[in-house]
Protein backbone atom coordinates (compact mmCIF):
# COMPACT_ATOMS: atom_id res chain seq x y z
CA MET A 1 45.01 122.90 82.01
CA PRO A 2 46.63 126.33 81.46
CA GLU A 3 44.08 129.11 80.91
CA ARG A 4 45.45 130.08 77.49
CA LEU A 5 45.33 126.49 76.21
CA TRP A 6 41.73 126.12 77.42
CA TYR A 7 40.69 129.16 75.42
CA LEU A 8 42.37 127.91 72.24
CA LYS A 9 40.94 124.39 72.53
CA ASN A 10 37.45 125.86 72.79
CA CYS A 11 37.71 127.71 69.49
CA GLN A 12 36.23 125.60 66.66
CA LEU A 13 38.79 126.91 64.22
CA PHE A 14 41.56 125.22 66.22
CA GLU A 15 39.84 122.00 67.20
CA ARG A 16 41.54 119.94 64.46
CA LEU A 17 45.04 120.98 65.50
CA THR A 18 47.18 118.42 67.31
CA GLU A 19 48.08 118.81 70.96
CA GLU A 20 51.62 119.70 69.94
CA GLN A 21 50.42 122.38 67.51
CA LEU A 22 48.07 123.83 70.11
CA ALA A 23 50.89 123.88 72.67
CA ARG A 24 53.11 125.83 70.27
CA LEU A 25 50.38 128.39 69.67
CA GLU A 26 49.60 128.60 73.38
CA GLN A 27 53.20 129.44 74.23
CA ARG A 28 53.02 132.62 72.18
CA ALA A 29 49.42 133.62 72.87
CA ARG A 30 48.77 136.56 75.20
CA ILE A 31 45.53 137.03 77.14
CA ARG A 32 44.25 140.52 77.87
CA ARG A 33 41.13 141.88 79.53
CA PHE A 34 39.53 145.00 78.09
CA PRO A 35 36.82 147.18 79.65
CA LYS A 36 33.68 148.15 77.75
CA ASN A 37 34.05 150.69 74.91
CA ASN A 38 37.80 150.24 74.75
CA PRO A 39 39.76 150.11 71.46
CA ILE A 40 41.70 146.90 70.80
CA TYR A 41 43.42 148.27 67.73
CA LEU A 42 42.95 151.43 65.70
CA GLN A 43 42.33 152.09 62.04
CA SER A 44 45.69 152.45 60.20
CA GLN A 45 47.56 150.85 63.12
CA GLU A 46 50.26 148.33 62.22
CA ALA A 47 48.79 144.83 61.88
CA GLU A 48 50.85 142.54 64.10
CA GLY A 49 48.64 139.51 64.64
CA VAL A 50 45.20 137.95 64.95
CA TYR A 51 42.73 138.08 67.84
CA LEU A 52 40.42 135.49 69.38
CA LEU A 53 37.45 136.78 71.36
CA VAL A 54 37.12 134.62 74.46
CA GLU A 55 34.39 136.51 76.31
CA GLY A 56 32.36 139.65 75.65
CA ARG A 57 31.52 141.30 72.33
CA VAL A 58 33.58 143.34 69.84
CA LYS A 59 32.59 145.57 66.94
CA LEU A 60 34.68 146.17 63.84
CA CYS A 61 34.15 149.69 62.53
CA SER A 62 35.59 152.30 60.22
CA PHE A 63 35.57 156.09 60.35
CA THR A 64 35.19 158.73 57.67
CA PRO A 65 37.53 161.76 57.65
CA GLU A 66 34.67 163.64 59.34
CA GLY A 67 34.65 161.09 62.17
CA LYS A 68 31.41 159.30 61.28
CA GLN A 69 31.44 155.68 62.40
CA THR A 70 30.21 152.70 60.37
CA ILE A 71 29.93 149.30 62.07
CA LEU A 72 31.18 146.58 59.73
CA ALA A 73 30.77 143.45 61.86
CA LEU A 74 29.93 142.20 65.34
CA ILE A 75 32.27 139.59 66.82
CA GLU A 76 31.05 136.95 69.27
CA PRO A 77 32.97 134.64 71.66
CA GLY A 78 34.88 131.93 69.83
CA GLU A 79 35.49 134.05 66.71
CA LEU A 80 38.73 135.33 65.23
CA PHE A 81 39.13 138.89 63.97
CA GLY A 82 41.96 140.93 62.49
CA GLU A 83 42.65 137.89 60.30
CA LEU A 84 43.73 139.95 57.26
CA ALA A 85 47.10 140.27 58.99
CA LEU A 86 47.65 136.71 57.73
CA PHE A 87 47.30 137.85 54.13
CA GLY A 88 49.72 140.72 53.84
CA GLU A 89 47.74 143.52 55.48
CA SER A 90 50.39 145.82 56.97
CA ARG A 91 47.94 148.40 58.35
CA ARG A 92 44.50 147.87 59.85
CA GLU A 93 41.69 148.97 57.59
CA GLU A 94 39.21 149.05 60.46
CA GLN A 95 39.09 149.66 64.21
CA ALA A 96 38.18 146.97 66.74
CA GLU A 97 36.44 148.11 69.91
CA THR A 98 34.79 146.26 72.79
CA MET A 99 31.04 146.59 73.25
CA ALA A 100 31.21 144.86 76.64
CA ALA A 101 33.96 143.92 79.08
CA SER A 102 35.94 141.34 77.11
CA ILE A 103 38.72 138.77 77.32
CA ILE A 104 40.84 138.50 74.19
CA ALA A 105 43.66 136.17 73.15
CA MET A 106 46.24 137.85 70.92
CA LEU A 107 47.90 135.40 68.52
CA PRO A 108 51.10 136.25 66.59
CA GLY A 109 50.57 136.21 62.84
CA ASP A 110 53.72 134.24 62.08
CA SER A 111 52.64 131.44 64.44
CA LEU A 112 49.28 131.08 62.72
CA GLU A 113 50.86 131.27 59.27
CA SER A 114 53.16 128.38 60.21
CA LEU A 115 50.22 126.31 61.47
CA MET A 116 48.22 127.05 58.31
CA GLN A 117 51.07 125.60 56.24
CA GLU A 118 50.87 122.42 58.33
CA SER A 119 47.08 122.15 58.57
CA PRO A 120 44.83 122.29 55.46
CA GLU A 121 41.79 122.24 57.78
CA LEU A 122 42.94 125.43 59.52
CA THR A 123 43.62 127.12 56.18
CA LEU A 124 40.15 126.14 54.94
CA GLY A 125 38.57 127.46 58.13
CA VAL A 126 40.27 130.84 57.84
CA THR A 127 39.32 131.03 54.15
CA LYS A 128 35.67 130.34 55.03
CA LEU A 129 35.82 133.03 57.68
CA LEU A 130 37.07 135.58 55.15
CA GLY A 131 34.44 134.58 52.61
CA PHE A 132 31.64 134.75 55.16
CA ARG A 133 32.60 138.23 56.34
CA ARG A 134 33.00 139.47 52.77
CA ARG A 135 29.52 138.23 51.81
CA ARG A 136 27.94 139.94 54.79
CA ILE A 137 29.70 143.23 54.09
CA GLU A 138 28.74 143.08 50.40
CA ARG A 139 25.10 142.50 51.37
CA ARG A 140 25.25 145.50 53.67
CA ILE A 141 26.80 147.72 50.99
CA LYS A 142 24.03 146.78 48.55
CA ALA A 143 21.45 147.62 51.22
CA LEU A 144 23.04 151.03 51.80
CA LEU A 145 23.17 151.85 48.09
CA PHE A 146 19.79 150.70 46.84
CA ARG A 147 17.33 150.68 49.73
CA SER A 148 15.35 153.27 51.65
CA SER A 149 16.09 153.90 55.33
CA ARG A 150 13.00 151.88 56.28
CA ASP A 151 14.10 148.92 54.14
CA ARG A 152 17.57 149.12 55.65
CA ILE A 153 16.33 148.86 59.23
CA VAL A 154 13.95 146.01 58.32
CA HIS A 155 16.71 144.03 56.60
CA LEU A 156 19.02 144.64 59.56
CA LEU A 157 16.39 143.37 61.99
CA LEU A 158 15.90 140.25 59.87
CA ASP A 159 19.66 139.75 59.74
CA LEU A 160 19.89 140.05 63.53
CA THR A 161 17.02 137.58 63.84
CA GLU A 162 19.13 134.99 62.04
CA GLN A 163 22.06 135.48 64.39
CA TYR A 164 20.49 136.44 67.71
CA GLY A 165 16.79 135.57 67.59
CA GLU A 166 15.28 133.73 70.57
CA PRO A 167 11.62 132.62 70.44
CA THR A 168 9.50 133.91 73.34
CA SER A 169 5.79 134.12 74.12
CA GLU A 170 5.79 137.70 72.77
CA GLY A 171 7.60 136.89 69.53
CA VAL A 172 11.29 136.69 68.65
CA LEU A 173 13.60 138.48 71.08
CA LEU A 174 16.89 139.84 69.73
CA SER A 175 19.27 138.71 72.46
CA ILE A 176 21.93 141.24 71.43
CA LYS A 177 21.60 144.67 73.03
CA LEU A 178 22.25 147.47 70.53
CA SER A 179 21.60 151.15 71.07
CA HIS A 180 19.80 153.25 68.46
CA GLN A 181 23.19 154.77 67.64
CA ASP A 182 24.66 151.29 67.08
CA LEU A 183 21.83 150.43 64.69
CA ALA A 184 22.30 153.75 62.90
CA SER A 185 26.04 153.11 62.52
CA ILE A 186 25.35 149.75 60.90
CA ILE A 187 22.88 150.99 58.27
CA GLY A 188 24.31 154.45 57.60
CA VAL A 189 21.54 156.73 58.91
CA THR A 190 21.18 159.05 61.90
CA ARG A 191 20.17 157.93 65.37
CA GLU A 192 17.04 160.08 65.11
CA THR A 193 16.03 158.27 61.92
CA VAL A 194 16.38 154.88 63.63
CA THR A 195 14.25 156.06 66.56
CA VAL A 196 11.49 157.25 64.20
CA LEU A 197 11.56 154.06 62.11
CA LEU A 198 11.44 151.74 65.12
CA GLY A 199 8.54 153.79 66.46
CA GLU A 200 6.65 153.40 63.18
CA LEU A 201 7.24 149.63 63.08
CA GLN A 202 6.06 149.38 66.69
CA LEU A 203 2.87 151.33 65.92
CA GLU A 204 2.23 148.90 63.06
CA GLY A 205 2.40 146.02 65.55
CA LEU A 206 5.55 144.52 64.03
CA LEU A 207 7.89 145.21 66.95
CA LYS A 208 7.95 145.78 70.66
CA VAL A 209 10.76 148.18 71.55
CA SER A 210 12.09 149.05 74.99
CA ARG A 211 15.49 150.12 76.27
CA GLN A 212 18.04 148.25 74.08
CA ARG A 213 15.51 145.41 73.79
CA ILE A 214 13.64 144.55 70.60
CA VAL A 215 11.01 141.82 70.18
CA ILE A 216 9.86 141.05 66.63
CA ARG A 217 6.21 140.13 66.99
CA ASP A 218 5.83 138.57 63.54
CA VAL A 219 8.97 137.77 61.53
CA ALA A 220 7.00 136.80 58.41
CA ARG A 221 5.04 140.08 58.37
CA LEU A 222 8.21 142.07 58.92
CA ALA A 223 9.88 140.30 56.00
CA GLN A 224 6.90 141.07 53.77
CA CYS A 225 7.58 144.79 54.27
CA THR A 226 10.54 144.48 51.90
CA HIS A 227 9.40 141.39 49.95
CA ALA A 228 12.13 139.33 51.65
CA ALA A 229 11.94 135.72 52.77
CA ALA A 230 11.45 135.23 56.49
CA PRO A 231 14.77 134.00 57.93
CA PRO A 232 15.13 131.03 60.25
CA VAL A 233 15.52 132.15 63.85
CA GLY A 234 18.84 131.97 65.66
CA GLY A 235 22.20 130.88 64.38
CA PRO A 236 22.25 130.03 60.66
CA ALA A 237 25.04 132.58 60.13
CA ALA A 238 27.31 130.18 61.95
CA LYS A 239 26.20 127.32 59.69
CA GLU A 240 26.73 129.46 56.60
CA SER A 241 30.35 129.96 57.57
CA GLY A 242 30.91 126.23 57.91
CA GLY A 243 30.86 126.34 61.70
CA VAL A 244 33.78 128.72 61.92
CA LEU A 245 31.76 131.39 63.65
CA ALA A 246 29.62 129.21 65.88
CA PRO A 247 30.00 130.27 69.54
CA ARG A 248 31.45 127.52 71.65
CA ARG A 249 29.86 126.01 74.72
CA LYS A 250 32.10 127.50 77.40
CA LEU A 251 35.20 129.63 77.09
CA ARG A 252 36.05 130.12 80.74
CA PRO A 253 37.97 127.37 82.58
CA GLU A 254 36.50 126.01 85.76
CA ALA A 255 37.96 127.35 88.98
């Protein structure tokens, strides 16, 4: 099986397409490898198509005129991004940048638009993707506007627990590695503030923090800090989006 077709078949969003439809999309797809911390597209750049993350991790971020970065979303293997190009976006409103060495399939917008006209299931999947991302961004904006810095970091940790939590003997390990600067860019505070807040939560016995590794010792107690409900651990974000965002089992073809 051609490498490009393998990647497309292992994206849940495309699994209801016919073999002929997949073959048409595969003919126009381009596969690129990007090193860590490399831009994929820039803010205000012309929007030419949609991207499928095959391997690695990508962040979507925006920048203020002063150059301050805000992380809007984290993209995992099997997910599409840059999808607003399908809905009339002529210029990118955000920047996409790799957080690890990544493999990305670039899909022409006109090809996907044609397939969406043929496949109601694909159109529904893309619509769910847009709605899911919008809800998450709206939740984050509300957190930035109405919560203290401590509440922001607690809510972020609970949010990451939903997506990346893995039960261990010590508590719930966040399998995603984020620097203090990454966390600060998500919640709109300084790196120094994040370091202080994580230190306080660790002293209170709620966390265990080491180099880019966070273990939440008691999710329920952490949630009580902001009167929030303790989230289920690991993966419900994918269910909330109707399976669109669920990482697939394997995105690399066998040798």
